[in-house]
Structures are given as structure tokens and as C-alpha cells.
Amino acid sequence: MKARIILSAIAIFCLGFVAQAQTNVKIGYTNIDYIMDLMPEMEQIGADIQDYSGQLRTQVQTKSQDFQRQVQSYQQSAPTMTDEARTQKEQQLQKLQEDIQQFEQDAQTSYQRKLQELLEPVQTKVFNAINAVAAENNYTHVFSETAGQAPVLLYTKDDDNFTDLVLAKLGVTPPARPAAN
């Protein structure tokens, strides 16, 4: 009998903690891509990355055009070349083509690195604002609305204004949303 009373008391005590913990949970969600798109710095970042991309594209085109000129030159002079000279020139062209392919891969890597470098300060600013808003408004958990192509959050009420709070913290005014029907 005493064991049953003790177990009941422990169960009630534990349920009290669970109930207490559940009442302190406050969950929010936000759309980081949406916030980032509204940041004023993004316009300059877009222009900078477009310029950088153009520079890389120009370098790739220049190398490709030079390669094409060398191929044409080779094709014109190949009939008069010795077998040894032809083999040597073909190896040289093959090496040049491999170098161009490597340069294209390096350019893509460089583009990604430059984009991340440009975005990092804005991302830090947004994450700091998210953390500040969460702390100021007693959120215990904040989810990203999406991660890549898959949603992270399966259900939420539409009246959660966490994103608007973050935008206000950043001093960014969101565009007017269309009125609900």
C-alpha cells in the first residue's frame, strides 16, 4: 500500500514537471531566404557577384577562343607536319583542353567561395537578429521554414510573426502582403 502511494506521488510529481516544461515551450518559425532577400545589402551583393561571374566567364571564353584558334592552326598545318611534330602538337592541344576544363572547375569553385564570402556578413547579421528576437520574446525553439527544397516545419499557425519581428530588428520593412480573402 505504501509503495503504491509513493509511486503515485512520484508519478504526480513527474507529471507536474512535464506540465511545467510544456507551458514554457515557445516555438517560432521564420523564412531565412525571405529575410535575406529583403536585406538592403543583397542588391550590392547581387551586383558584385554578377560582375565577378562576368569576369570568370570572360576568362573562360578567352581561353576557349585561344584554344579554338590553336586547333584551327593545327588543322591547317597538320598535313605538312611530320608525324612527330603532329603528335607533339596534339599532346599540347590535349593538355591545353584539360587546362581549360580544370580552369572552368576552379572558376566554379571560386564563384561559390566568393558568393559565400559576400553573403557571410549578411547571414551573420540575420542569425544574430534571429537569436536576439528569440531571446527578447522568450522563444525556446525557432525553426527554418525551409531547408533547401524540403520543408523543415510541417505545421504551424499562420499568425506567428517571428519573421516580421526579425525584419523589424534588422530595420527592414517587408513589402505589403496581399489581403486574405
N, C-alpha and C. Protein backbone atom coordinates (compact mmCIF):
# COMPACT_ATOMS: atom_id res chain seq x y z
N MET A 1 0.82 -1.18 0.00
CA MET A 1 0.00 0.00 0.00
C MET A 1 0.87 1.24 0.00
N LYS A 2 1.89 1.27 0.89
CA LYS A 2 2.78 2.42 0.95
C LYS A 2 3.52 2.59 -0.37
N ALA A 3 3.92 1.49 -1.00
CA ALA A 3 4.63 1.54 -2.28
C ALA A 3 3.74 2.17 -3.35
N ARG A 4 2.46 1.82 -3.32
CA ARG A 4 1.52 2.36 -4.29
C ARG A 4 1.37 3.88 -4.09
N ILE A 5 1.32 4.33 -2.88
CA ILE A 5 1.18 5.76 -2.57
C ILE A 5 2.44 6.49 -2.99
N ILE A 6 3.60 5.90 -2.73
CA ILE A 6 4.86 6.53 -3.11
C ILE A 6 4.97 6.62 -4.63
N LEU A 7 4.61 5.53 -5.34
CA LEU A 7 4.65 5.54 -6.80
C LEU A 7 3.67 6.56 -7.37
N SER A 8 2.50 6.67 -6.77
CA SER A 8 1.52 7.67 -7.22
C SER A 8 2.05 9.07 -7.00
N ALA A 9 2.68 9.29 -5.87
CA ALA A 9 3.25 10.62 -5.58
C ALA A 9 4.36 10.95 -6.57
N ILE A 10 5.19 9.97 -6.88
CA ILE A 10 6.27 10.19 -7.85
C ILE A 10 5.68 10.48 -9.23
N ALA A 11 4.65 9.74 -9.62
CA ALA A 11 4.01 9.95 -10.91
C ALA A 11 3.41 11.35 -11.00
N ILE A 12 2.73 11.79 -9.97
CA ILE A 12 2.13 13.13 -9.95
C ILE A 12 3.24 14.18 -9.99
N PHE A 13 4.31 13.94 -9.24
CA PHE A 13 5.44 14.86 -9.21
C PHE A 13 6.05 15.00 -10.61
N CYS A 14 6.25 13.86 -11.29
CA CYS A 14 6.83 13.87 -12.65
C CYS A 14 5.89 14.53 -13.64
N LEU A 15 4.60 14.24 -13.55
CA LEU A 15 3.63 14.88 -14.44
C LEU A 15 3.63 16.39 -14.24
N GLY A 16 3.85 16.82 -13.03
CA GLY A 16 3.93 18.26 -12.75
C GLY A 16 5.10 18.89 -13.49
N PHE A 17 6.24 18.19 -13.50
CA PHE A 17 7.40 18.72 -14.24
C PHE A 17 7.13 18.75 -15.74
N VAL A 18 6.50 17.69 -16.27
CA VAL A 18 6.18 17.65 -17.70
C VAL A 18 5.23 18.77 -18.04
N ALA A 19 4.21 18.97 -17.24
CA ALA A 19 3.26 20.05 -17.49
C ALA A 19 3.95 21.40 -17.41
N GLN A 20 4.84 21.55 -16.43
CA GLN A 20 5.60 22.80 -16.27
C GLN A 20 6.46 23.04 -17.51
N ALA A 21 7.15 22.00 -17.97
CA ALA A 21 8.03 22.14 -19.13
C ALA A 21 7.24 22.47 -20.37
N GLN A 22 6.06 21.87 -20.53
CA GLN A 22 5.25 22.13 -21.72
C GLN A 22 4.75 23.57 -21.75
N THR A 23 4.48 24.15 -20.65
CA THR A 23 3.96 25.52 -20.64
C THR A 23 5.07 26.53 -20.94
N ASN A 24 6.32 26.16 -20.79
CA ASN A 24 7.42 27.09 -21.04
C ASN A 24 7.97 27.01 -22.46
N VAL A 25 7.47 26.10 -23.27
CA VAL A 25 7.96 25.95 -24.64
C VAL A 25 7.26 26.97 -25.54
N LYS A 26 8.05 27.72 -26.27
CA LYS A 26 7.52 28.67 -27.24
C LYS A 26 8.31 28.47 -28.53
N ILE A 27 7.61 28.07 -29.57
CA ILE A 27 8.25 27.72 -30.82
C ILE A 27 7.87 28.74 -31.88
N GLY A 28 8.86 29.18 -32.63
CA GLY A 28 8.64 30.10 -33.74
C GLY A 28 9.24 29.53 -35.01
N TYR A 29 8.88 30.12 -36.11
CA TYR A 29 9.47 29.73 -37.38
C TYR A 29 9.71 30.98 -38.19
N THR A 30 10.66 30.88 -39.10
CA THR A 30 10.97 32.02 -39.95
C THR A 30 11.46 31.52 -41.30
N ASN A 31 11.46 32.40 -42.26
CA ASN A 31 11.94 32.09 -43.60
C ASN A 31 13.21 32.90 -43.83
N ILE A 32 14.34 32.27 -43.67
CA ILE A 32 15.62 32.96 -43.77
C ILE A 32 15.85 33.49 -45.18
N ASP A 33 15.46 32.74 -46.20
CA ASP A 33 15.63 33.22 -47.58
C ASP A 33 14.85 34.51 -47.81
N TYR A 34 13.65 34.57 -47.29
CA TYR A 34 12.81 35.76 -47.43
C TYR A 34 13.48 36.95 -46.75
N ILE A 35 13.98 36.74 -45.55
CA ILE A 35 14.65 37.82 -44.82
C ILE A 35 15.89 38.27 -45.58
N MET A 36 16.70 37.32 -46.03
CA MET A 36 17.92 37.66 -46.76
C MET A 36 17.60 38.46 -48.02
N ASP A 37 16.56 38.05 -48.74
CA ASP A 37 16.18 38.76 -49.97
C ASP A 37 15.80 40.21 -49.70
N LEU A 38 15.26 40.49 -48.52
CA LEU A 38 14.83 41.84 -48.19
C LEU A 38 15.94 42.72 -47.63
N MET A 39 17.07 42.13 -47.33
CA MET A 39 18.17 42.91 -46.76
C MET A 39 18.72 43.87 -47.82
N PRO A 40 18.93 45.14 -47.46
CA PRO A 40 19.40 46.12 -48.45
C PRO A 40 20.76 45.75 -49.05
N GLU A 41 21.60 45.04 -48.30
CA GLU A 41 22.92 44.66 -48.79
C GLU A 41 22.86 43.70 -49.97
N MET A 42 21.74 43.00 -50.11
CA MET A 42 21.65 41.96 -51.13
C MET A 42 21.72 42.53 -52.55
N GLU A 43 21.25 43.74 -52.73
CA GLU A 43 21.31 44.35 -54.06
C GLU A 43 22.78 44.52 -54.49
N GLN A 44 23.61 45.03 -53.58
CA GLN A 44 25.03 45.21 -53.88
C GLN A 44 25.73 43.86 -54.04
N ILE A 45 25.36 42.90 -53.21
CA ILE A 45 25.95 41.57 -53.33
C ILE A 45 25.60 40.97 -54.69
N GLY A 46 24.36 41.14 -55.12
CA GLY A 46 23.94 40.64 -56.44
C GLY A 46 24.76 41.26 -57.55
N ALA A 47 24.98 42.57 -57.46
CA ALA A 47 25.77 43.26 -58.49
C ALA A 47 27.22 42.80 -58.46
N ASP A 48 27.78 42.66 -57.25
CA ASP A 48 29.17 42.24 -57.12
C ASP A 48 29.38 40.82 -57.65
N ILE A 49 28.47 39.92 -57.33
CA ILE A 49 28.65 38.54 -57.77
C ILE A 49 28.41 38.42 -59.27
N GLN A 50 27.53 39.26 -59.80
CA GLN A 50 27.30 39.26 -61.26
C GLN A 50 28.56 39.75 -61.97
N ASP A 51 29.20 40.79 -61.44
CA ASP A 51 30.46 41.28 -62.03
C ASP A 51 31.54 40.21 -61.97
N TYR A 52 31.65 39.56 -60.82
CA TYR A 52 32.66 38.53 -60.65
C TYR A 52 32.41 37.37 -61.61
N SER A 53 31.16 37.00 -61.73
CA SER A 53 30.79 35.92 -62.65
C SER A 53 31.14 36.30 -64.08
N GLY A 54 30.89 37.54 -64.43
CA GLY A 54 31.22 38.02 -65.78
C GLY A 54 32.72 37.97 -66.04
N GLN A 55 33.52 38.32 -65.04
CA GLN A 55 34.98 38.25 -65.18
C GLN A 55 35.43 36.81 -65.42
N LEU A 56 34.87 35.91 -64.63
CA LEU A 56 35.23 34.49 -64.79
C LEU A 56 34.80 33.97 -66.16
N ARG A 57 33.59 34.34 -66.57
CA ARG A 57 33.08 33.90 -67.87
C ARG A 57 33.97 34.43 -69.00
N THR A 58 34.41 35.68 -68.89
CA THR A 58 35.28 36.28 -69.90
C THR A 58 36.61 35.54 -69.97
N GLN A 59 37.16 35.18 -68.82
CA GLN A 59 38.43 34.44 -68.80
C GLN A 59 38.27 33.06 -69.45
N VAL A 60 37.16 32.40 -69.16
CA VAL A 60 36.91 31.08 -69.76
C VAL A 60 36.75 31.23 -71.28
N GLN A 61 36.00 32.24 -71.71
CA GLN A 61 35.80 32.45 -73.15
C GLN A 61 37.11 32.77 -73.86
N THR A 62 37.95 33.59 -73.22
CA THR A 62 39.24 33.94 -73.81
C THR A 62 40.10 32.70 -73.98
N LYS A 63 40.15 31.86 -72.96
CA LYS A 63 40.94 30.63 -73.03
C LYS A 63 40.37 29.68 -74.10
N SER A 64 39.05 29.60 -74.18
CA SER A 64 38.41 28.72 -75.17
C SER A 64 38.66 29.22 -76.59
N GLN A 65 38.58 30.53 -76.79
CA GLN A 65 38.83 31.09 -78.12
C GLN A 65 40.28 30.88 -78.54
N ASP A 66 41.20 31.04 -77.60
CA ASP A 66 42.62 30.80 -77.89
C ASP A 66 42.82 29.34 -78.27
N PHE A 67 42.17 28.44 -77.56
CA PHE A 67 42.25 27.02 -77.86
C PHE A 67 41.71 26.75 -79.27
N GLN A 68 40.58 27.33 -79.61
CA GLN A 68 39.99 27.11 -80.93
C GLN A 68 40.91 27.62 -82.04
N ARG A 69 41.55 28.77 -81.80
CA ARG A 69 42.50 29.29 -82.80
C ARG A 69 43.66 28.32 -82.99
N GLN A 70 44.17 27.77 -81.89
CA GLN A 70 45.28 26.82 -81.99
C GLN A 70 44.86 25.54 -82.69
N VAL A 71 43.61 25.09 -82.45
CA VAL A 71 43.10 23.89 -83.13
C VAL A 71 43.00 24.16 -84.63
N GLN A 72 42.46 25.31 -84.99
CA GLN A 72 42.34 25.66 -86.42
C GLN A 72 43.72 25.74 -87.08
N SER A 73 44.65 26.35 -86.39
CA SER A 73 46.01 26.47 -86.91
C SER A 73 46.60 25.08 -87.11
N TYR A 74 46.38 24.22 -86.15
CA TYR A 74 46.88 22.85 -86.24
C TYR A 74 46.25 22.12 -87.42
N GLN A 75 44.94 22.27 -87.58
CA GLN A 75 44.24 21.58 -88.66
C GLN A 75 44.75 22.03 -90.03
N GLN A 76 45.10 23.29 -90.14
CA GLN A 76 45.61 23.81 -91.41
C GLN A 76 47.03 23.33 -91.69
N SER A 77 47.84 23.24 -90.64
CA SER A 77 49.24 22.87 -90.86
C SER A 77 49.52 21.38 -90.68
N ALA A 78 48.54 20.62 -90.19
CA ALA A 78 48.75 19.19 -89.92
C ALA A 78 49.21 18.41 -91.14
N PRO A 79 48.64 18.65 -92.34
CA PRO A 79 49.08 17.84 -93.49
C PRO A 79 50.57 18.01 -93.83
N THR A 80 51.14 19.15 -93.47
CA THR A 80 52.55 19.39 -93.82
C THR A 80 53.51 19.05 -92.67
N MET A 81 52.95 18.64 -91.54
CA MET A 81 53.78 18.36 -90.36
C MET A 81 54.29 16.92 -90.39
N THR A 82 55.43 16.71 -89.74
CA THR A 82 55.94 15.35 -89.59
C THR A 82 55.07 14.64 -88.55
N ASP A 83 55.13 13.34 -88.53
CA ASP A 83 54.36 12.56 -87.56
C ASP A 83 54.73 12.95 -86.13
N GLU A 84 56.01 13.15 -85.90
CA GLU A 84 56.47 13.51 -84.56
C GLU A 84 55.94 14.90 -84.16
N ALA A 85 56.01 15.86 -85.07
CA ALA A 85 55.53 17.21 -84.78
C ALA A 85 54.01 17.20 -84.57
N ARG A 86 53.29 16.41 -85.38
CA ARG A 86 51.83 16.29 -85.25
C ARG A 86 51.47 15.69 -83.90
N THR A 87 52.15 14.64 -83.48
CA THR A 87 51.89 14.00 -82.19
C THR A 87 52.17 14.97 -81.05
N GLN A 88 53.26 15.69 -81.18
CA GLN A 88 53.62 16.65 -80.14
C GLN A 88 52.57 17.77 -80.04
N LYS A 89 52.11 18.27 -81.18
CA LYS A 89 51.10 19.34 -81.19
C LYS A 89 49.76 18.82 -80.65
N GLU A 90 49.40 17.59 -80.98
CA GLU A 90 48.15 17.01 -80.47
C GLU A 90 48.21 16.86 -78.94
N GLN A 91 49.35 16.43 -78.43
CA GLN A 91 49.51 16.33 -76.98
C GLN A 91 49.42 17.71 -76.32
N GLN A 92 50.00 18.70 -76.99
CA GLN A 92 49.96 20.07 -76.49
C GLN A 92 48.51 20.58 -76.45
N LEU A 93 47.75 20.29 -77.50
CA LEU A 93 46.34 20.71 -77.56
C LEU A 93 45.51 19.97 -76.51
N GLN A 94 45.80 18.69 -76.33
CA GLN A 94 45.08 17.90 -75.32
C GLN A 94 45.34 18.47 -73.93
N LYS A 95 46.59 18.83 -73.66
CA LYS A 95 46.95 19.42 -72.37
C LYS A 95 46.25 20.77 -72.18
N LEU A 96 46.20 21.57 -73.24
CA LEU A 96 45.53 22.87 -73.18
C LEU A 96 44.03 22.69 -72.91
N GLN A 97 43.42 21.71 -73.55
CA GLN A 97 41.99 21.43 -73.32
C GLN A 97 41.75 20.98 -71.87
N GLU A 98 42.62 20.15 -71.34
CA GLU A 98 42.50 19.72 -69.94
C GLU A 98 42.67 20.91 -68.99
N ASP A 99 43.60 21.81 -69.34
CA ASP A 99 43.81 23.01 -68.52
C ASP A 99 42.56 23.89 -68.51
N ILE A 100 41.91 24.01 -69.65
CA ILE A 100 40.68 24.81 -69.74
C ILE A 100 39.58 24.19 -68.89
N GLN A 101 39.43 22.87 -68.96
CA GLN A 101 38.43 22.19 -68.14
C GLN A 101 38.72 22.37 -66.66
N GLN A 102 39.97 22.29 -66.28
CA GLN A 102 40.35 22.50 -64.88
C GLN A 102 40.06 23.95 -64.48
N PHE A 103 40.35 24.88 -65.37
CA PHE A 103 40.08 26.29 -65.07
C PHE A 103 38.58 26.52 -64.87
N GLU A 104 37.75 25.88 -65.69
CA GLU A 104 36.30 26.01 -65.54
C GLU A 104 35.85 25.48 -64.17
N GLN A 105 36.39 24.36 -63.76
CA GLN A 105 36.06 23.81 -62.43
C GLN A 105 36.54 24.74 -61.32
N ASP A 106 37.75 25.26 -61.47
CA ASP A 106 38.29 26.19 -60.48
C ASP A 106 37.46 27.47 -60.44
N ALA A 107 37.00 27.92 -61.60
CA ALA A 107 36.18 29.13 -61.67
C ALA A 107 34.86 28.92 -60.93
N GLN A 108 34.26 27.76 -61.08
CA GLN A 108 33.01 27.46 -60.37
C GLN A 108 33.24 27.43 -58.86
N THR A 109 34.33 26.83 -58.44
CA THR A 109 34.68 26.80 -57.02
C THR A 109 34.94 28.21 -56.51
N SER A 110 35.65 28.99 -57.30
CA SER A 110 35.96 30.37 -56.92
C SER A 110 34.68 31.20 -56.81
N TYR A 111 33.75 30.97 -57.74
CA TYR A 111 32.46 31.68 -57.71
C TYR A 111 31.71 31.35 -56.41
N GLN A 112 31.65 30.07 -56.06
CA GLN A 112 30.95 29.65 -54.85
C GLN A 112 31.62 30.25 -53.61
N ARG A 113 32.94 30.25 -53.59
CA ARG A 113 33.68 30.80 -52.46
C ARG A 113 33.43 32.32 -52.34
N LYS A 114 33.42 33.02 -53.47
CA LYS A 114 33.18 34.47 -53.48
C LYS A 114 31.75 34.77 -53.02
N LEU A 115 30.79 33.99 -53.48
CA LEU A 115 29.40 34.18 -53.07
C LEU A 115 29.27 34.00 -51.56
N GLN A 116 29.87 32.94 -51.03
CA GLN A 116 29.81 32.70 -49.59
C GLN A 116 30.48 33.83 -48.82
N GLU A 117 31.61 34.30 -49.34
CA GLU A 117 32.32 35.41 -48.70
C GLU A 117 31.46 36.67 -48.64
N LEU A 118 30.74 36.94 -49.72
CA LEU A 118 29.87 38.12 -49.76
C LEU A 118 28.64 37.96 -48.87
N LEU A 119 28.10 36.75 -48.80
CA LEU A 119 26.88 36.51 -48.02
C LEU A 119 27.12 36.37 -46.53
N GLU A 120 28.32 35.97 -46.15
CA GLU A 120 28.60 35.67 -44.74
C GLU A 120 28.25 36.81 -43.78
N PRO A 121 28.64 38.06 -44.05
CA PRO A 121 28.29 39.12 -43.10
C PRO A 121 26.77 39.33 -42.96
N VAL A 122 26.05 39.19 -44.06
CA VAL A 122 24.60 39.36 -44.01
C VAL A 122 23.96 38.19 -43.26
N GLN A 123 24.44 36.97 -43.52
CA GLN A 123 23.92 35.81 -42.80
C GLN A 123 24.17 35.95 -41.30
N THR A 124 25.35 36.41 -40.94
CA THR A 124 25.66 36.60 -39.53
C THR A 124 24.73 37.63 -38.91
N LYS A 125 24.49 38.70 -39.63
CA LYS A 125 23.59 39.76 -39.16
C LYS A 125 22.17 39.21 -38.95
N VAL A 126 21.70 38.42 -39.90
CA VAL A 126 20.36 37.84 -39.81
C VAL A 126 20.28 36.84 -38.65
N PHE A 127 21.27 35.97 -38.52
CA PHE A 127 21.25 34.99 -37.43
C PHE A 127 21.35 35.66 -36.07
N ASN A 128 22.15 36.72 -35.98
CA ASN A 128 22.22 37.46 -34.72
C ASN A 128 20.87 38.09 -34.39
N ALA A 129 20.18 38.62 -35.40
CA ALA A 129 18.85 39.20 -35.17
C ALA A 129 17.86 38.13 -34.76
N ILE A 130 17.93 36.96 -35.37
CA ILE A 130 17.04 35.85 -35.00
C ILE A 130 17.28 35.47 -33.54
N ASN A 131 18.54 35.35 -33.17
CA ASN A 131 18.86 35.00 -31.77
C ASN A 131 18.36 36.08 -30.81
N ALA A 132 18.54 37.33 -31.17
CA ALA A 132 18.10 38.43 -30.30
C ALA A 132 16.58 38.44 -30.16
N VAL A 133 15.87 38.29 -31.26
CA VAL A 133 14.40 38.28 -31.22
C VAL A 133 13.91 37.08 -30.41
N ALA A 134 14.54 35.93 -30.61
CA ALA A 134 14.14 34.74 -29.85
C ALA A 134 14.33 34.97 -28.35
N ALA A 135 15.45 35.56 -27.98
CA ALA A 135 15.72 35.82 -26.56
C ALA A 135 14.76 36.86 -26.00
N GLU A 136 14.53 37.94 -26.74
CA GLU A 136 13.65 39.02 -26.28
C GLU A 136 12.21 38.58 -26.12
N ASN A 137 11.78 37.63 -26.95
CA ASN A 137 10.39 37.19 -26.95
C ASN A 137 10.20 35.81 -26.32
N ASN A 138 11.21 35.32 -25.64
CA ASN A 138 11.15 34.06 -24.89
C ASN A 138 10.82 32.84 -25.75
N TYR A 139 11.33 32.80 -26.97
CA TYR A 139 11.17 31.60 -27.79
C TYR A 139 12.17 30.57 -27.30
N THR A 140 11.75 29.33 -27.22
CA THR A 140 12.67 28.26 -26.82
C THR A 140 13.23 27.55 -28.04
N HIS A 141 12.48 27.57 -29.14
CA HIS A 141 12.90 26.91 -30.38
C HIS A 141 12.47 27.78 -31.55
N VAL A 142 13.33 27.89 -32.56
CA VAL A 142 12.98 28.59 -33.79
C VAL A 142 13.40 27.68 -34.94
N PHE A 143 12.46 27.42 -35.82
CA PHE A 143 12.71 26.56 -36.97
C PHE A 143 12.80 27.39 -38.23
N SER A 144 13.55 26.87 -39.18
CA SER A 144 13.58 27.47 -40.50
C SER A 144 12.39 26.89 -41.26
N GLU A 145 11.70 27.77 -41.96
CA GLU A 145 10.52 27.32 -42.70
C GLU A 145 10.90 26.29 -43.77
N THR A 146 12.06 26.49 -44.38
CA THR A 146 12.54 25.53 -45.38
C THR A 146 14.03 25.35 -45.22
N ALA A 147 14.50 24.21 -45.63
CA ALA A 147 15.94 23.93 -45.69
C ALA A 147 16.20 23.31 -47.05
N GLY A 148 16.73 24.11 -47.95
CA GLY A 148 16.89 23.63 -49.32
C GLY A 148 15.52 23.53 -49.95
N GLN A 149 15.17 22.38 -50.44
CA GLN A 149 13.87 22.19 -51.10
C GLN A 149 12.84 21.54 -50.19
N ALA A 150 13.27 20.99 -49.06
CA ALA A 150 12.35 20.27 -48.19
C ALA A 150 11.94 21.14 -47.00
N PRO A 151 10.65 21.17 -46.69
CA PRO A 151 10.24 21.95 -45.52
C PRO A 151 10.73 21.30 -44.23
N VAL A 152 11.14 22.14 -43.30
CA VAL A 152 11.57 21.64 -42.01
C VAL A 152 10.39 21.58 -41.06
N LEU A 153 9.44 22.46 -41.24
CA LEU A 153 8.29 22.58 -40.38
C LEU A 153 7.06 22.07 -41.13
N LEU A 154 6.35 21.12 -40.54
CA LEU A 154 5.22 20.53 -41.23
C LEU A 154 3.90 21.25 -40.95
N TYR A 155 3.78 21.88 -39.81
CA TYR A 155 2.55 22.59 -39.47
C TYR A 155 2.87 23.74 -38.54
N THR A 156 2.18 24.83 -38.75
CA THR A 156 2.25 25.95 -37.82
C THR A 156 1.05 26.84 -38.07
N LYS A 157 0.73 27.65 -37.10
CA LYS A 157 -0.33 28.63 -37.30
C LYS A 157 0.22 29.77 -38.14
N ASP A 158 -0.60 30.35 -38.96
CA ASP A 158 -0.15 31.43 -39.83
C ASP A 158 0.04 32.75 -39.08
N ASP A 159 -0.41 32.84 -37.85
CA ASP A 159 -0.33 34.11 -37.14
C ASP A 159 0.98 34.31 -36.39
N ASP A 160 1.95 33.43 -36.58
CA ASP A 160 3.25 33.60 -35.93
C ASP A 160 4.01 34.69 -36.68
N ASN A 161 4.38 35.74 -35.99
CA ASN A 161 5.02 36.89 -36.64
C ASN A 161 6.52 36.95 -36.38
N PHE A 162 7.16 35.84 -36.16
CA PHE A 162 8.59 35.83 -35.84
C PHE A 162 9.40 36.49 -36.95
N THR A 163 9.11 36.17 -38.21
CA THR A 163 9.86 36.75 -39.32
C THR A 163 9.72 38.27 -39.31
N ASP A 164 8.51 38.77 -39.08
CA ASP A 164 8.32 40.22 -39.03
C ASP A 164 9.09 40.85 -37.87
N LEU A 165 9.20 40.15 -36.75
CA LEU A 165 9.98 40.65 -35.62
C LEU A 165 11.46 40.73 -35.98
N VAL A 166 11.96 39.73 -36.69
CA VAL A 166 13.37 39.74 -37.11
C VAL A 166 13.62 40.87 -38.09
N LEU A 167 12.71 41.04 -39.05
CA LEU A 167 12.86 42.14 -40.02
C LEU A 167 12.86 43.49 -39.30
N ALA A 168 11.98 43.65 -38.33
CA ALA A 168 11.94 44.90 -37.56
C ALA A 168 13.25 45.10 -36.81
N LYS A 169 13.81 44.03 -36.25
CA LYS A 169 15.08 44.10 -35.53
C LYS A 169 16.19 44.56 -36.46
N LEU A 170 16.11 44.13 -37.71
CA LEU A 170 17.11 44.50 -38.71
C LEU A 170 16.84 45.86 -39.33
N GLY A 171 15.69 46.45 -39.03
CA GLY A 171 15.33 47.74 -39.61
C GLY A 171 14.87 47.64 -41.06
N VAL A 172 14.34 46.47 -41.43
CA VAL A 172 13.89 46.23 -42.80
C VAL A 172 12.36 46.18 -42.81
N THR A 173 11.75 46.92 -43.72
CA THR A 173 10.29 46.91 -43.83
C THR A 173 9.89 45.90 -44.89
N PRO A 174 9.09 44.90 -44.51
CA PRO A 174 8.66 43.91 -45.51
C PRO A 174 7.64 44.53 -46.46
N PRO A 175 7.56 44.00 -47.68
CA PRO A 175 6.54 44.51 -48.59
C PRO A 175 5.16 44.13 -48.08
N ALA A 176 4.17 44.91 -48.50
CA ALA A 176 2.78 44.65 -48.07
C ALA A 176 2.35 43.29 -48.60
N ARG A 177 1.69 42.54 -47.73
CA ARG A 177 1.17 41.22 -48.15
C ARG A 177 -0.24 41.41 -48.67
N PRO A 178 -0.63 40.63 -49.67
CA PRO A 178 -2.00 40.75 -50.19
C PRO A 178 -3.01 40.36 -49.10
N ALA A 179 -4.14 41.05 -49.11
CA ALA A 179 -5.18 40.78 -48.13
C ALA A 179 -5.77 39.39 -48.36
N ALA A 180 -6.06 38.72 -47.26
CA ALA A 180 -6.67 37.38 -47.34
C ALA A 180 -8.13 37.50 -47.75
N ASN A 181 -8.59 36.53 -48.51
CA ASN A 181 -9.99 36.55 -48.98
C ASN A 181 -10.92 36.11 -47.88
